[in-house]
Structure formats: C-alpha cells, structure tokens
Amino acid sequence: MTQEIVEAILAVERDAAEAQARAQAEANALIAQAQAEAAELRTQALQEAKARADQILTDSQTEATAASDSVLAQAQDDAQSFRDRAQAHIDAAVAFVVDRVTRRE
C-alpha cells in the first residue's frame, strides 16, 4: 500500500513536471512569437514613417517649386512692365538728349 502511494505521488510529480515543461515551452514559444511580431511591427512602422517623410518632402518640394514659379512669374511681369514703361518714354528721352546735344554745338 505504501509502495502504491509513493508511486502515485511520483506519477503526480512526474505529470506536474511534464505540465510545467510544456507550459514553459509554450511560454517560450509565445515570447518568441511576440518578439517576432514586435520586430515586424517595428519594421512596418519604420517603413510607414519613411514613406510619410518622403511624401512630406515631396509635397514640400512641390509647394516650394510652385511658390518659386509664382515669384519668378511676378518678377518677369514686373520686369516687362518696367520695359514697357521705359519703351514708352524712350522717344522722349532720345529727343531730350538730342536736344541737349544739339544746343551745345
């Protein structure tokens, strides 16, 4: 009878040790899976952040180009306006200079 009790206790301890080993193995597998998922999420987040940064840079460059083109167009318009006004007065300026030069001689 004592032998049977000892064997039963040993069997229960053996079962408990096996259950603990299975639980430890499962915990290790879960930890490894969680670490792999975390690494994948980190990689995905970095890729998304890089894509977003690239998009922001592209948008900024587009806006800067548009602003630059607008300033350039305005400057060209202003220059043309100055040329037009100067051209309108060129005949008067030439006449003035000719008049001044001919009076001195």
N, C-alpha and C. Protein backbone atom coordinates (compact mmCIF):
# COMPACT_ATOMS: atom_id res chain seq x y z
N MET A 1 0.82 -1.18 0.00
CA MET A 1 0.00 0.00 0.00
C MET A 1 0.87 1.25 0.00
N THR A 2 1.90 1.29 0.81
CA THR A 2 2.80 2.42 0.88
C THR A 2 3.51 2.59 -0.45
N GLN A 3 3.88 1.47 -1.04
CA GLN A 3 4.56 1.50 -2.33
C GLN A 3 3.64 2.13 -3.38
N GLU A 4 2.38 1.80 -3.36
CA GLU A 4 1.41 2.34 -4.31
C GLU A 4 1.25 3.86 -4.12
N ILE A 5 1.23 4.30 -2.87
CA ILE A 5 1.11 5.72 -2.58
C ILE A 5 2.33 6.48 -3.09
N VAL A 6 3.52 5.91 -2.86
CA VAL A 6 4.75 6.53 -3.30
C VAL A 6 4.76 6.60 -4.82
N GLU A 7 4.34 5.53 -5.48
CA GLU A 7 4.29 5.51 -6.94
C GLU A 7 3.27 6.53 -7.45
N ALA A 8 2.15 6.65 -6.79
CA ALA A 8 1.13 7.62 -7.18
C ALA A 8 1.67 9.04 -7.02
N ILE A 9 2.36 9.28 -5.92
CA ILE A 9 2.95 10.60 -5.69
C ILE A 9 4.00 10.91 -6.76
N LEU A 10 4.84 9.91 -7.07
CA LEU A 10 5.86 10.09 -8.09
C LEU A 10 5.21 10.34 -9.47
N ALA A 11 4.12 9.64 -9.75
CA ALA A 11 3.42 9.82 -11.02
C ALA A 11 2.84 11.24 -11.10
N VAL A 12 2.27 11.70 -9.98
CA VAL A 12 1.72 13.06 -9.95
C VAL A 12 2.83 14.08 -10.12
N GLU A 13 3.95 13.87 -9.46
CA GLU A 13 5.08 14.78 -9.59
C GLU A 13 5.62 14.77 -11.02
N ARG A 14 5.68 13.57 -11.62
CA ARG A 14 6.16 13.44 -12.99
C ARG A 14 5.21 14.20 -13.94
N ASP A 15 3.90 14.00 -13.71
CA ASP A 15 2.90 14.71 -14.53
C ASP A 15 3.02 16.23 -14.36
N ALA A 16 3.23 16.64 -13.13
CA ALA A 16 3.38 18.07 -12.84
C ALA A 16 4.63 18.62 -13.52
N ALA A 17 5.72 17.87 -13.48
CA ALA A 17 6.96 18.31 -14.12
C ALA A 17 6.77 18.40 -15.63
N GLU A 18 6.07 17.43 -16.20
CA GLU A 18 5.80 17.46 -17.64
C GLU A 18 4.90 18.64 -18.00
N ALA A 19 3.88 18.87 -17.16
CA ALA A 19 2.98 20.00 -17.41
C ALA A 19 3.76 21.31 -17.31
N GLN A 20 4.65 21.40 -16.34
CA GLN A 20 5.47 22.60 -16.19
C GLN A 20 6.39 22.78 -17.39
N ALA A 21 6.98 21.69 -17.86
CA ALA A 21 7.87 21.77 -19.03
C ALA A 21 7.08 22.20 -20.26
N ARG A 22 5.86 21.64 -20.42
CA ARG A 22 5.03 22.04 -21.56
C ARG A 22 4.64 23.53 -21.45
N ALA A 23 4.29 23.95 -20.25
CA ALA A 23 3.92 25.34 -20.03
C ALA A 23 5.11 26.26 -20.31
N GLN A 24 6.29 25.85 -19.88
CA GLN A 24 7.49 26.65 -20.13
C GLN A 24 7.79 26.73 -21.62
N ALA A 25 7.64 25.58 -22.31
CA ALA A 25 7.88 25.57 -23.75
C ALA A 25 6.87 26.46 -24.47
N GLU A 26 5.61 26.38 -24.03
CA GLU A 26 4.57 27.22 -24.63
C GLU A 26 4.84 28.70 -24.36
N ALA A 27 5.27 29.01 -23.14
CA ALA A 27 5.60 30.39 -22.80
C ALA A 27 6.76 30.89 -23.65
N ASN A 28 7.77 30.06 -23.82
CA ASN A 28 8.92 30.44 -24.66
C ASN A 28 8.49 30.67 -26.10
N ALA A 29 7.60 29.79 -26.60
CA ALA A 29 7.10 29.96 -27.97
C ALA A 29 6.30 31.25 -28.09
N LEU A 30 5.47 31.56 -27.09
CA LEU A 30 4.69 32.79 -27.12
C LEU A 30 5.59 34.02 -27.08
N ILE A 31 6.61 33.95 -26.26
CA ILE A 31 7.56 35.06 -26.18
C ILE A 31 8.26 35.26 -27.51
N ALA A 32 8.70 34.17 -28.13
CA ALA A 32 9.38 34.26 -29.43
C ALA A 32 8.42 34.82 -30.48
N GLN A 33 7.18 34.37 -30.45
CA GLN A 33 6.19 34.87 -31.41
C GLN A 33 5.93 36.36 -31.18
N ALA A 34 5.81 36.75 -29.93
CA ALA A 34 5.57 38.17 -29.62
C ALA A 34 6.76 39.02 -30.06
N GLN A 35 7.97 38.53 -29.85
CA GLN A 35 9.16 39.26 -30.27
C GLN A 35 9.21 39.39 -31.79
N ALA A 36 8.85 38.32 -32.49
CA ALA A 36 8.84 38.36 -33.95
C ALA A 36 7.78 39.34 -34.45
N GLU A 37 6.60 39.32 -33.84
CA GLU A 37 5.55 40.25 -34.23
C GLU A 37 5.95 41.69 -33.93
N ALA A 38 6.60 41.90 -32.79
CA ALA A 38 7.06 43.24 -32.44
C ALA A 38 8.10 43.74 -33.45
N ALA A 39 9.01 42.86 -33.85
CA ALA A 39 10.02 43.24 -34.84
C ALA A 39 9.36 43.56 -36.17
N GLU A 40 8.36 42.78 -36.54
CA GLU A 40 7.65 43.02 -37.80
C GLU A 40 6.89 44.36 -37.73
N LEU A 41 6.25 44.61 -36.61
CA LEU A 41 5.52 45.87 -36.44
C LEU A 41 6.48 47.06 -36.46
N ARG A 42 7.64 46.88 -35.82
CA ARG A 42 8.64 47.95 -35.80
C ARG A 42 9.13 48.24 -37.23
N THR A 43 9.38 47.18 -37.98
CA THR A 43 9.81 47.34 -39.38
C THR A 43 8.73 48.03 -40.20
N GLN A 44 7.50 47.58 -40.01
CA GLN A 44 6.38 48.19 -40.73
C GLN A 44 6.21 49.67 -40.35
N ALA A 45 6.33 49.97 -39.07
CA ALA A 45 6.20 51.36 -38.62
C ALA A 45 7.31 52.22 -39.21
N LEU A 46 8.52 51.69 -39.27
CA LEU A 46 9.64 52.44 -39.86
C LEU A 46 9.40 52.68 -41.35
N GLN A 47 8.89 51.67 -42.03
CA GLN A 47 8.61 51.83 -43.46
C GLN A 47 7.51 52.88 -43.67
N GLU A 48 6.48 52.83 -42.85
CA GLU A 48 5.40 53.81 -42.97
C GLU A 48 5.90 55.22 -42.65
N ALA A 49 6.75 55.32 -41.63
CA ALA A 49 7.30 56.63 -41.28
C ALA A 49 8.18 57.17 -42.40
N LYS A 50 8.97 56.29 -43.01
CA LYS A 50 9.82 56.72 -44.13
C LYS A 50 8.96 57.15 -45.31
N ALA A 51 7.92 56.37 -45.60
CA ALA A 51 7.03 56.73 -46.71
C ALA A 51 6.36 58.07 -46.43
N ARG A 52 5.93 58.29 -45.20
CA ARG A 52 5.28 59.56 -44.84
C ARG A 52 6.27 60.71 -44.95
N ALA A 53 7.50 60.50 -44.47
CA ALA A 53 8.53 61.54 -44.56
C ALA A 53 8.84 61.86 -46.03
N ASP A 54 8.92 60.81 -46.86
CA ASP A 54 9.16 61.04 -48.29
C ASP A 54 8.00 61.84 -48.91
N GLN A 55 6.77 61.52 -48.51
CA GLN A 55 5.61 62.23 -49.05
C GLN A 55 5.63 63.70 -48.60
N ILE A 56 5.96 63.92 -47.33
CA ILE A 56 6.05 65.29 -46.82
C ILE A 56 7.12 66.06 -47.59
N LEU A 57 8.26 65.43 -47.82
CA LEU A 57 9.35 66.07 -48.56
C LEU A 57 8.90 66.39 -49.99
N THR A 58 8.25 65.44 -50.63
CA THR A 58 7.76 65.65 -51.99
C THR A 58 6.75 66.80 -52.03
N ASP A 59 5.81 66.78 -51.08
CA ASP A 59 4.81 67.85 -51.02
C ASP A 59 5.48 69.21 -50.79
N SER A 60 6.45 69.24 -49.89
CA SER A 60 7.15 70.49 -49.60
C SER A 60 7.91 70.99 -50.83
N GLN A 61 8.55 70.08 -51.53
CA GLN A 61 9.27 70.48 -52.73
C GLN A 61 8.31 71.00 -53.80
N THR A 62 7.16 70.35 -53.91
CA THR A 62 6.15 70.80 -54.87
C THR A 62 5.65 72.20 -54.52
N GLU A 63 5.37 72.40 -53.24
CA GLU A 63 4.91 73.72 -52.79
C GLU A 63 6.00 74.78 -52.99
N ALA A 64 7.24 74.42 -52.69
CA ALA A 64 8.34 75.37 -52.86
C ALA A 64 8.53 75.71 -54.33
N THR A 65 8.41 74.72 -55.19
CA THR A 65 8.54 74.97 -56.63
C THR A 65 7.41 75.88 -57.12
N ALA A 66 6.21 75.61 -56.64
CA ALA A 66 5.07 76.45 -57.03
C ALA A 66 5.27 77.88 -56.56
N ALA A 67 5.72 78.04 -55.32
CA ALA A 67 5.96 79.38 -54.79
C ALA A 67 7.07 80.08 -55.58
N SER A 68 8.12 79.35 -55.87
CA SER A 68 9.23 79.91 -56.64
C SER A 68 8.77 80.31 -58.04
N ASP A 69 7.99 79.46 -58.68
CA ASP A 69 7.46 79.78 -60.01
C ASP A 69 6.58 81.03 -59.96
N SER A 70 5.80 81.14 -58.91
CA SER A 70 4.92 82.31 -58.76
C SER A 70 5.75 83.59 -58.61
N VAL A 71 6.77 83.54 -57.77
CA VAL A 71 7.64 84.70 -57.57
C VAL A 71 8.36 85.05 -58.87
N LEU A 72 8.84 84.03 -59.58
CA LEU A 72 9.53 84.27 -60.84
C LEU A 72 8.58 84.89 -61.87
N ALA A 73 7.37 84.37 -61.94
CA ALA A 73 6.39 84.93 -62.88
C ALA A 73 6.08 86.38 -62.54
N GLN A 74 5.94 86.67 -61.26
CA GLN A 74 5.67 88.05 -60.85
C GLN A 74 6.86 88.95 -61.20
N ALA A 75 8.06 88.46 -60.97
CA ALA A 75 9.26 89.25 -61.30
C ALA A 75 9.34 89.49 -62.80
N GLN A 76 9.00 88.48 -63.59
CA GLN A 76 9.02 88.66 -65.04
C GLN A 76 7.96 89.66 -65.47
N ASP A 77 6.79 89.59 -64.86
CA ASP A 77 5.74 90.57 -65.16
C ASP A 77 6.19 91.98 -64.80
N ASP A 78 6.80 92.12 -63.63
CA ASP A 78 7.30 93.44 -63.20
C ASP A 78 8.36 93.95 -64.16
N ALA A 79 9.28 93.07 -64.57
CA ALA A 79 10.34 93.47 -65.49
C ALA A 79 9.75 93.90 -66.83
N GLN A 80 8.76 93.16 -67.30
CA GLN A 80 8.13 93.53 -68.56
C GLN A 80 7.42 94.87 -68.43
N SER A 81 6.78 95.08 -67.28
CA SER A 81 6.11 96.36 -67.04
C SER A 81 7.12 97.51 -67.06
N PHE A 82 8.27 97.31 -66.42
CA PHE A 82 9.32 98.33 -66.43
C PHE A 82 9.81 98.58 -67.85
N ARG A 83 10.01 97.49 -68.62
CA ARG A 83 10.45 97.63 -70.01
C ARG A 83 9.41 98.40 -70.83
N ASP A 84 8.15 98.07 -70.62
CA ASP A 84 7.09 98.75 -71.36
C ASP A 84 7.06 100.24 -71.03
N ARG A 85 7.16 100.56 -69.73
CA ARG A 85 7.17 101.97 -69.34
C ARG A 85 8.40 102.68 -69.87
N ALA A 86 9.53 102.00 -69.85
CA ALA A 86 10.76 102.61 -70.37
C ALA A 86 10.64 102.83 -71.87
N GLN A 87 10.08 101.86 -72.56
CA GLN A 87 9.91 101.98 -74.02
C GLN A 87 8.98 103.15 -74.35
N ALA A 88 7.95 103.34 -73.53
CA ALA A 88 7.02 104.44 -73.76
C ALA A 88 7.72 105.79 -73.63
N HIS A 89 8.76 105.86 -72.83
CA HIS A 89 9.45 107.13 -72.60
C HIS A 89 10.75 107.26 -73.39
N ILE A 90 11.09 106.25 -74.16
CA ILE A 90 12.38 106.27 -74.85
C ILE A 90 12.45 107.38 -75.89
N ASP A 91 11.37 107.54 -76.61
CA ASP A 91 11.37 108.60 -77.64
C ASP A 91 11.58 109.97 -77.00
N ALA A 92 10.91 110.21 -75.90
CA ALA A 92 11.06 111.49 -75.21
C ALA A 92 12.47 111.64 -74.67
N ALA A 93 13.04 110.56 -74.18
CA ALA A 93 14.40 110.61 -73.65
C ALA A 93 15.40 110.88 -74.75
N VAL A 94 15.22 110.21 -75.90
CA VAL A 94 16.12 110.41 -77.03
C VAL A 94 16.01 111.85 -77.52
N ALA A 95 14.80 112.34 -77.61
CA ALA A 95 14.60 113.72 -78.06
C ALA A 95 15.26 114.68 -77.09
N PHE A 96 15.13 114.42 -75.80
CA PHE A 96 15.75 115.27 -74.79
C PHE A 96 17.25 115.28 -74.95
N VAL A 97 17.85 114.11 -75.11
CA VAL A 97 19.30 114.02 -75.26
C VAL A 97 19.75 114.71 -76.55
N VAL A 98 19.04 114.46 -77.62
CA VAL A 98 19.40 115.08 -78.89
C VAL A 98 19.30 116.61 -78.76
N ASP A 99 18.25 117.05 -78.13
CA ASP A 99 18.07 118.49 -77.92
C ASP A 99 19.22 119.07 -77.12
N ARG A 100 19.59 118.40 -76.08
CA ARG A 100 20.70 118.88 -75.24
C ARG A 100 22.00 118.90 -76.03
N VAL A 101 22.24 117.87 -76.79
CA VAL A 101 23.49 117.78 -77.54
C VAL A 101 23.51 118.84 -78.65
N THR A 102 22.44 119.02 -79.32
CA THR A 102 22.41 120.00 -80.43
C THR A 102 22.46 121.41 -79.93
N ARG A 103 21.98 121.72 -78.76
CA ARG A 103 22.05 123.08 -78.22
C ARG A 103 23.48 123.46 -77.89
N ARG A 104 24.30 122.53 -77.50
CA ARG A 104 25.65 122.82 -77.09
C ARG A 104 26.56 123.07 -78.26
N GLU A 105 26.23 122.63 -79.38
CA GLU A 105 27.13 122.78 -80.52
C GLU A 105 26.95 124.03 -81.28
